[in-house]
Protein backbone atom coordinates (compact mmCIF):
# COMPACT_ATOMS: atom_id res chain seq x y z
CA UNK A 1 0.00 0.00 0.00
CA UNK A 2 1.30 3.48 -0.88
CA UNK A 3 1.81 6.11 1.81
CA UNK A 4 1.06 9.05 -0.49
CA UNK A 5 -0.83 9.64 -3.74
CA UNK A 6 2.38 10.78 -5.47
CA UNK A 7 3.75 7.23 -5.30
CA UNK A 8 0.67 5.81 -7.02
CA UNK A 9 0.46 8.54 -9.65
CA UNK A 10 4.16 8.21 -10.46
CA UNK A 11 4.10 4.44 -11.03
CA UNK A 12 4.06 3.66 -14.78
CA UNK A 13 2.32 0.85 -16.65
CA UNK A 14 4.05 -1.30 -19.27
CA UNK A 15 1.64 -2.24 -22.05
CA UNK A 16 2.52 -4.49 -24.98
CA UNK A 17 0.50 -2.98 -27.82
CA UNK A 18 1.73 -5.28 -30.56
CA UNK A 19 4.60 -7.61 -31.40
CA UNK A 20 7.72 -5.55 -30.83
CA UNK A 21 5.83 -2.43 -29.65
CA UNK A 22 5.58 -1.52 -25.94
CA UNK A 23 4.16 1.58 -24.27
CA UNK A 24 5.59 2.87 -20.99
CA UNK A 25 2.56 4.82 -19.78
CA UNK A 26 2.65 7.40 -16.99
CA UNK A 27 -0.19 9.42 -15.56
CA UNK A 28 2.32 12.20 -14.86
CA UNK A 29 5.93 11.22 -15.53
CA UNK A 30 7.84 14.04 -13.84
CA UNK A 31 6.57 12.96 -10.42
CA UNK A 32 9.15 10.16 -10.68
CA UNK A 33 12.05 12.62 -10.96
CA UNK A 34 10.66 15.21 -8.53
CA UNK A 35 9.99 12.68 -5.74
CA UNK A 36 13.43 11.10 -5.97
CA UNK A 37 15.17 14.49 -6.23
CA UNK A 38 13.46 15.88 -3.12
CA UNK A 39 14.09 12.67 -1.18
CA UNK A 40 17.80 12.80 -2.14
CA UNK A 41 18.10 16.43 -1.04
CA UNK A 42 16.55 15.57 2.32
CA UNK A 43 18.68 12.45 2.79
CA UNK A 44 21.91 14.34 2.06
CA UNK A 45 21.00 17.31 4.26
CA UNK A 46 20.93 19.78 1.38
CA UNK A 47 17.42 20.81 2.50
CA UNK A 48 15.27 20.22 5.58
CA UNK A 49 11.55 19.68 6.07
CA UNK A 50 9.80 23.03 5.96
CA UNK A 51 12.28 24.60 3.51
CA UNK A 52 11.06 26.24 0.30
CA UNK A 53 11.84 24.63 -3.06
CA UNK A 54 11.56 26.80 -6.14
CA UNK A 55 11.65 26.22 -9.88
CA UNK A 56 10.36 27.37 -13.24
CA UNK A 57 7.81 25.23 -15.06
CA UNK A 58 5.48 25.18 -18.04
CA UNK A 59 3.07 23.03 -16.03
CA UNK A 60 3.79 19.34 -15.53
CA UNK A 61 6.87 19.76 -13.33
CA UNK A 62 4.98 22.33 -11.24
CA UNK A 63 2.39 19.70 -10.34
CA UNK A 64 5.09 17.08 -9.74
CA UNK A 65 7.11 19.34 -7.43
CA UNK A 66 3.98 20.45 -5.56
CA UNK A 67 3.10 16.79 -4.90
CA UNK A 68 6.67 15.98 -3.80
CA UNK A 69 6.64 18.97 -1.42
CA UNK A 70 3.25 17.89 -0.06
CA UNK A 71 4.64 14.37 0.47
CA UNK A 72 7.75 15.56 2.34
CA UNK A 73 6.45 18.59 4.24
CA UNK A 74 8.18 21.24 2.12
CA UNK A 75 7.06 24.61 0.78
CA UNK A 76 6.78 25.02 -2.98
CA UNK A 77 7.22 28.17 -5.11
CA UNK A 78 6.64 27.96 -8.87
CA UNK A 79 7.38 30.56 -11.52
CA UNK A 80 5.00 29.35 -14.19
CA UNK A 81 4.62 29.76 -17.91
CA UNK A 82 1.59 31.36 -19.53
CA UNK A 83 0.55 27.79 -20.42
CA UNK A 84 -0.39 26.90 -16.82
CA UNK A 85 -4.17 26.49 -17.08
CA UNK A 86 -7.03 27.09 -14.65
CA UNK A 87 -7.25 23.45 -13.56
CA UNK A 88 -3.58 23.30 -12.61
CA UNK A 89 -3.63 26.72 -10.95
CA UNK A 90 -6.49 25.56 -8.73
CA UNK A 91 -4.71 22.30 -7.83
CA UNK A 92 -1.48 24.12 -6.97
CA UNK A 93 -3.37 26.60 -4.80
CA UNK A 94 -5.12 23.88 -2.79
CA UNK A 95 -1.86 21.91 -2.44
CA UNK A 96 -0.31 24.97 -0.84
CA UNK A 97 2.09 25.82 -3.66
CA UNK A 98 2.71 29.45 -4.54
CA UNK A 99 2.43 30.18 -8.26
CA UNK A 100 3.73 33.27 -10.04
CA UNK A 101 2.59 33.18 -13.64
CA UNK A 102 4.41 35.08 -16.37
CA UNK A 103 2.47 37.54 -18.56
CA UNK A 104 1.30 36.28 -21.97
CA UNK A 105 3.99 36.03 -24.65
CA UNK A 106 4.01 34.70 -28.21
CA UNK A 107 7.77 34.09 -27.92
CA UNK A 108 8.69 30.82 -26.15
CA UNK A 109 12.31 31.89 -25.66
CA UNK A 110 11.19 35.13 -24.04
CA UNK A 111 8.78 33.23 -21.77
CA UNK A 112 11.49 30.80 -20.62
CA UNK A 113 14.06 33.56 -20.15
CA UNK A 114 11.61 35.65 -18.13
CA UNK A 115 10.89 32.71 -15.84
CA UNK A 116 14.56 31.99 -15.19
CA UNK A 117 15.25 35.69 -14.53
CA UNK A 118 12.37 35.84 -12.05
CA UNK A 119 13.62 32.72 -10.22
CA UNK A 120 17.06 34.32 -9.87
CA UNK A 121 15.46 37.53 -8.59
CA UNK A 122 13.52 35.57 -5.94
CA UNK A 123 16.68 33.70 -4.89
CA UNK A 124 18.52 36.98 -4.34
CA UNK A 125 15.72 38.05 -2.01
CA UNK A 126 15.45 34.60 -0.38
CA UNK A 127 18.90 32.92 -0.42
CA UNK A 128 17.54 30.17 1.86
CA UNK A 129 15.27 28.88 -0.93
CA UNK A 130 16.56 25.85 -2.86
CA UNK A 131 16.44 26.08 -6.67
CA UNK A 132 15.56 22.62 -8.06
CA UNK A 133 17.01 23.37 -11.53
CA UNK A 134 15.03 20.61 -13.24
CA UNK A 135 16.72 21.40 -16.56
CA UNK A 136 20.29 21.26 -15.23
CA UNK A 137 20.63 19.23 -12.02
CA UNK A 138 21.14 15.51 -12.71
CA UNK A 139 19.51 14.52 -9.41
CA UNK A 140 16.42 14.37 -11.63
CA UNK A 141 17.87 11.20 -13.19
CA UNK A 142 17.65 9.26 -9.92
CA UNK A 143 13.97 8.37 -9.92
CA UNK A 144 14.20 6.52 -13.23
CA UNK A 145 16.47 3.75 -11.96
CA UNK A 146 13.50 1.86 -10.48
CA UNK A 147 11.62 2.33 -13.76
CA UNK A 148 14.59 0.90 -15.69
CA UNK A 149 14.60 -2.10 -13.34
CA UNK A 150 10.96 -2.72 -14.09
CA UNK A 151 11.50 -2.45 -17.85
CA UNK A 152 14.43 -4.87 -17.63
CA UNK A 153 12.41 -7.39 -15.61
CA UNK A 154 9.22 -7.25 -17.66
CA UNK A 155 10.84 -7.24 -21.10
CA UNK A 156 13.19 -10.07 -20.19
CA UNK A 157 16.29 -8.10 -21.11
CA UNK A 158 15.43 -8.08 -24.83
CA UNK A 159 17.10 -5.56 -27.16
CA UNK A 160 15.29 -2.23 -27.07
CA UNK A 161 14.82 0.92 -29.06
CA UNK A 162 13.87 3.39 -26.31
CA UNK A 163 11.83 6.22 -27.84
CA UNK A 164 10.72 9.40 -26.07
CA UNK A 165 10.46 13.15 -26.09
CA UNK A 166 13.79 14.67 -25.05
CA UNK A 167 12.57 17.68 -23.05
CA UNK A 168 14.89 18.27 -20.10
CA UNK A 169 16.86 15.12 -21.01
CA UNK A 170 16.22 13.39 -17.68
CA UNK A 171 13.75 10.64 -18.58
CA UNK A 172 15.21 9.30 -21.84
CA UNK A 173 18.81 9.87 -20.76
CA UNK A 174 18.36 8.24 -17.36
CA UNK A 175 16.44 5.22 -18.65
CA UNK A 176 19.04 4.56 -21.35
CA UNK A 177 21.85 4.95 -18.79
CA UNK A 178 20.33 2.62 -16.21
CA UNK A 179 19.28 0.02 -18.79
CA UNK A 180 22.80 -0.04 -20.24
CA UNK A 181 24.15 -0.57 -16.70
CA UNK A 182 22.00 -3.70 -16.61
CA UNK A 183 23.63 -4.90 -19.86
CA UNK A 184 20.52 -4.24 -21.95
CA UNK A 185 21.27 -3.64 -25.63
CA UNK A 186 19.47 -0.29 -25.96
CA UNK A 187 19.35 2.28 -28.74
CA UNK A 188 18.15 5.72 -27.64
CA UNK A 189 15.79 7.50 -30.02
CA UNK A 190 14.95 11.10 -29.14
CA UNK A 191 11.84 12.94 -30.31
CA UNK A 192 11.94 16.70 -30.87
CA UNK A 193 9.58 19.42 -32.09
CA UNK A 194 10.63 21.81 -34.82
CA UNK A 195 11.86 25.12 -33.40
CA UNK A 196 13.87 23.52 -30.57
CA UNK A 197 17.48 24.53 -29.96
CA UNK A 198 18.36 21.22 -28.24
CA UNK A 199 19.31 19.32 -31.40
CA UNK A 200 19.49 22.21 -33.83
CA UNK A 201 16.01 22.67 -35.30
CA UNK A 202 15.49 26.27 -34.13
CA UNK A 203 15.59 27.49 -37.74
CA UNK A 204 12.46 25.51 -38.73
CA UNK A 205 9.10 26.87 -37.56
CA UNK A 206 5.97 24.79 -36.98
CA UNK A 207 2.96 26.78 -38.27
CA UNK A 208 0.71 25.21 -35.61
CA UNK A 209 2.29 25.02 -32.14
CA UNK A 210 5.49 23.77 -30.59
CA UNK A 211 4.76 20.48 -28.82
CA UNK A 212 5.04 21.32 -25.13
CA UNK A 213 7.68 19.70 -22.98
CA UNK A 214 9.82 17.84 -25.52
CA UNK A 215 11.94 20.70 -26.86
CA UNK A 216 13.36 24.01 -25.68
CA UNK A 217 14.32 27.45 -26.88
CA UNK A 218 17.19 27.63 -24.34
CA UNK A 219 20.05 25.15 -23.61
CA UNK A 220 19.46 22.45 -20.99
CA UNK A 221 22.33 20.96 -18.98
CA UNK A 222 20.57 17.64 -18.33
CA UNK A 223 20.55 16.65 -22.02
CA UNK A 224 23.42 14.24 -22.66
CA UNK A 225 23.60 14.45 -26.43
CA UNK A 226 26.17 11.66 -26.64
CA UNK A 227 23.58 9.10 -25.46
CA UNK A 228 21.28 9.53 -28.47
CA UNK A 229 21.57 7.29 -31.50
CA UNK A 230 18.70 8.63 -33.61
CA UNK A 231 16.52 11.76 -33.67
CA UNK A 232 13.00 12.28 -35.00
CA UNK A 233 11.54 15.76 -35.47
CA UNK A 234 7.75 15.85 -35.74
CA UNK A 235 5.38 18.73 -36.42
CA UNK A 236 2.06 19.23 -34.65
CA UNK A 237 -0.04 17.70 -37.44
CA UNK A 238 1.98 14.46 -37.46
CA UNK A 239 1.88 14.20 -33.66
CA UNK A 240 -1.89 14.81 -33.72
CA UNK A 241 -2.29 11.90 -36.14
CA UNK A 242 -0.21 9.71 -33.83
CA UNK A 243 -2.19 10.62 -30.70
CA UNK A 244 -5.52 9.96 -32.43
CA UNK A 245 -4.34 6.65 -33.90
CA UNK A 246 -2.96 5.50 -30.54
CA UNK A 247 -6.36 6.08 -28.92
CA UNK A 248 -8.37 4.61 -31.79
CA UNK A 249 -6.19 1.55 -32.37
CA UNK A 250 -4.93 0.77 -28.85
CA UNK A 251 -7.30 2.74 -26.54
CA UNK A 252 -4.33 4.58 -24.96
CA UNK A 253 -5.35 8.17 -24.16
CA UNK A 254 -2.15 10.18 -23.98
CA UNK A 255 -0.71 13.59 -24.79
CA UNK A 256 0.71 15.11 -27.94
CA UNK A 257 4.32 14.20 -27.21
CA UNK A 258 3.20 10.58 -26.88
CA UNK A 259 1.60 10.69 -30.31
CA UNK A 260 4.94 11.83 -31.73
CA UNK A 261 6.86 9.12 -29.85
CA UNK A 262 4.35 6.48 -30.99
CA UNK A 263 4.92 7.36 -34.67
CA UNK A 264 8.70 7.32 -34.20
CA UNK A 265 8.56 3.98 -32.34
CA UNK A 266 6.49 2.36 -35.08
CA UNK A 267 9.05 3.50 -37.64
CA UNK A 268 11.98 2.23 -35.60
CA UNK A 269 10.29 -1.15 -35.19
CA UNK A 270 10.00 -1.42 -38.98
CA UNK A 271 13.63 -0.35 -39.39
CA UNK A 272 14.90 -3.02 -36.99
CA UNK A 273 12.27 -5.75 -36.51
CA UNK A 274 14.48 -7.77 -34.16
CA UNK A 275 14.49 -4.98 -31.58
CA UNK A 276 11.48 -4.09 -29.38
CA UNK A 277 10.44 -0.45 -29.69
CA UNK A 278 9.44 0.92 -26.27
CA UNK A 279 8.02 4.44 -26.28
CA UNK A 280 7.29 6.78 -23.38
CA UNK A 281 3.78 8.13 -22.79
CA UNK A 282 4.58 10.97 -20.37
CA UNK A 283 1.06 12.09 -19.48
CA UNK A 284 -2.63 11.61 -20.23
CA UNK A 285 -4.52 13.33 -23.02
CA UNK A 286 -6.81 15.50 -20.90
CA UNK A 287 -4.94 18.75 -21.63
CA UNK A 288 -5.34 18.12 -25.34
CA UNK A 289 -9.08 17.51 -25.66
CA UNK A 290 -9.78 20.72 -27.58
CA UNK A 291 -6.47 21.22 -29.40
CA UNK A 292 -5.95 17.60 -30.51
CA UNK A 293 -8.70 15.05 -29.91
CA UNK A 294 -11.64 17.26 -30.89
CA UNK A 295 -9.87 17.62 -34.25
CA UNK A 296 -9.65 13.86 -34.85
CA UNK A 297 -11.50 14.26 -38.14
CA UNK A 298 -8.49 16.18 -39.49
CA UNK A 299 -5.99 13.47 -38.55
CA UNK A 300 -3.97 11.95 -41.38
CA UNK A 301 -3.73 8.17 -41.65
CA UNK A 302 -0.50 7.14 -39.94
CA UNK A 303 0.09 4.64 -42.74
CA UNK A 304 0.46 7.61 -45.09
CA UNK A 305 3.14 9.28 -42.97
CA UNK A 306 6.89 8.65 -43.23
CA UNK A 307 9.95 10.61 -42.15
CA UNK A 308 12.27 12.47 -44.47
CA UNK A 309 15.77 11.02 -43.96
CA UNK A 310 18.29 13.80 -43.44
CA UNK A 311 22.06 13.82 -42.97
CA UNK A 312 22.26 17.17 -41.20
CA UNK A 313 19.96 19.60 -39.44
CA UNK A 314 20.17 22.03 -42.37
CA UNK A 315 18.05 19.50 -44.33
CA UNK A 316 15.20 19.35 -41.77
CA UNK A 317 11.73 19.83 -43.22
CA UNK A 318 8.14 19.52 -42.02
CA UNK A 319 6.22 17.45 -41.10
CA UNK A 320 8.62 14.66 -40.06
CA UNK A 321 12.37 14.19 -40.33
CA UNK A 322 14.70 11.45 -39.07
CA UNK A 323 18.48 11.61 -38.64
CA UNK A 324 21.19 9.29 -37.34
CA UNK A 325 22.74 11.23 -34.45
CA UNK A 326 25.27 8.55 -33.48
CA UNK A 327 26.24 10.09 -30.15
CA UNK A 328 27.37 13.40 -31.62
CA UNK A 329 28.08 16.30 -29.24
CA UNK A 330 25.62 19.11 -28.61
CA UNK A 331 25.18 21.82 -31.26
CA UNK A 332 26.98 25.01 -30.26
CA UNK A 333 23.73 26.85 -29.48
CA UNK A 334 22.56 23.99 -27.21
CA UNK A 335 25.52 24.23 -24.82
CA UNK A 336 24.52 25.93 -21.52
CA UNK A 337 26.36 28.98 -20.33
């Protein structure tokens, strides 16, 4: 029996959708990293119960950190993006977290930069606060070791293509790292939106929206570029088709980043049939009812979609591109500091 709701919400399900295709489904994935990070800070004496933890978030990490603080008797301060919606604001308020939301902005880089600047301003006024630095502190890798153990046990150690949205780098990087430590033959396949600096697609704009949470307009220190073997870039329309097909074909209701990972995983399974493609479903589809699922009539057939194979980021093109990364270092503009 769990002692706190965060433990139940953070526990993923492994679902075999088809021969060679497995879904690692979370209700809210970042709870895994937030819980383990806060527990580590307490265990090492870096923070004490009652201290205030602060970070910037576009939404999902805010909820995860608020739950971890509730679990461990900490105070929580979030500098939130304009994308934090009414439902989440209400939850954070009741959980006791303080939310400062940035003013509306059509520029993602400006929104992220504003949030970081505000966090630093708060820290100057409150030096006793602890900045969680979800994008840069590798303590956010720790929670995924138990998940890697479960994958290893339930897949029987078979060869894997691990597919997931890159985002902060913690989930995909940590799972690949811990699986490799268990001698699993794993290829890491990262999924990116167009317009993200992380793997050099900032020069290509998506006319719809940037898929939240899997890319960035600023460099992240937790992304270990050398771990990635292959990259897929997917536009909103392709990811929408993937999300709708995943629900229609397999009854898995998940977010937009999952739809993108599902398409990439299906492609990787066809490329290497002897390797199981395991893709990460980081959250549920509730946030995307109006923007994605209500538009299911517009969704392309996934059978009609295929990636453009590119040899360099200068060749990237909508709606879907694939490139062998082969453990290359970070692009210059993706290096922090």
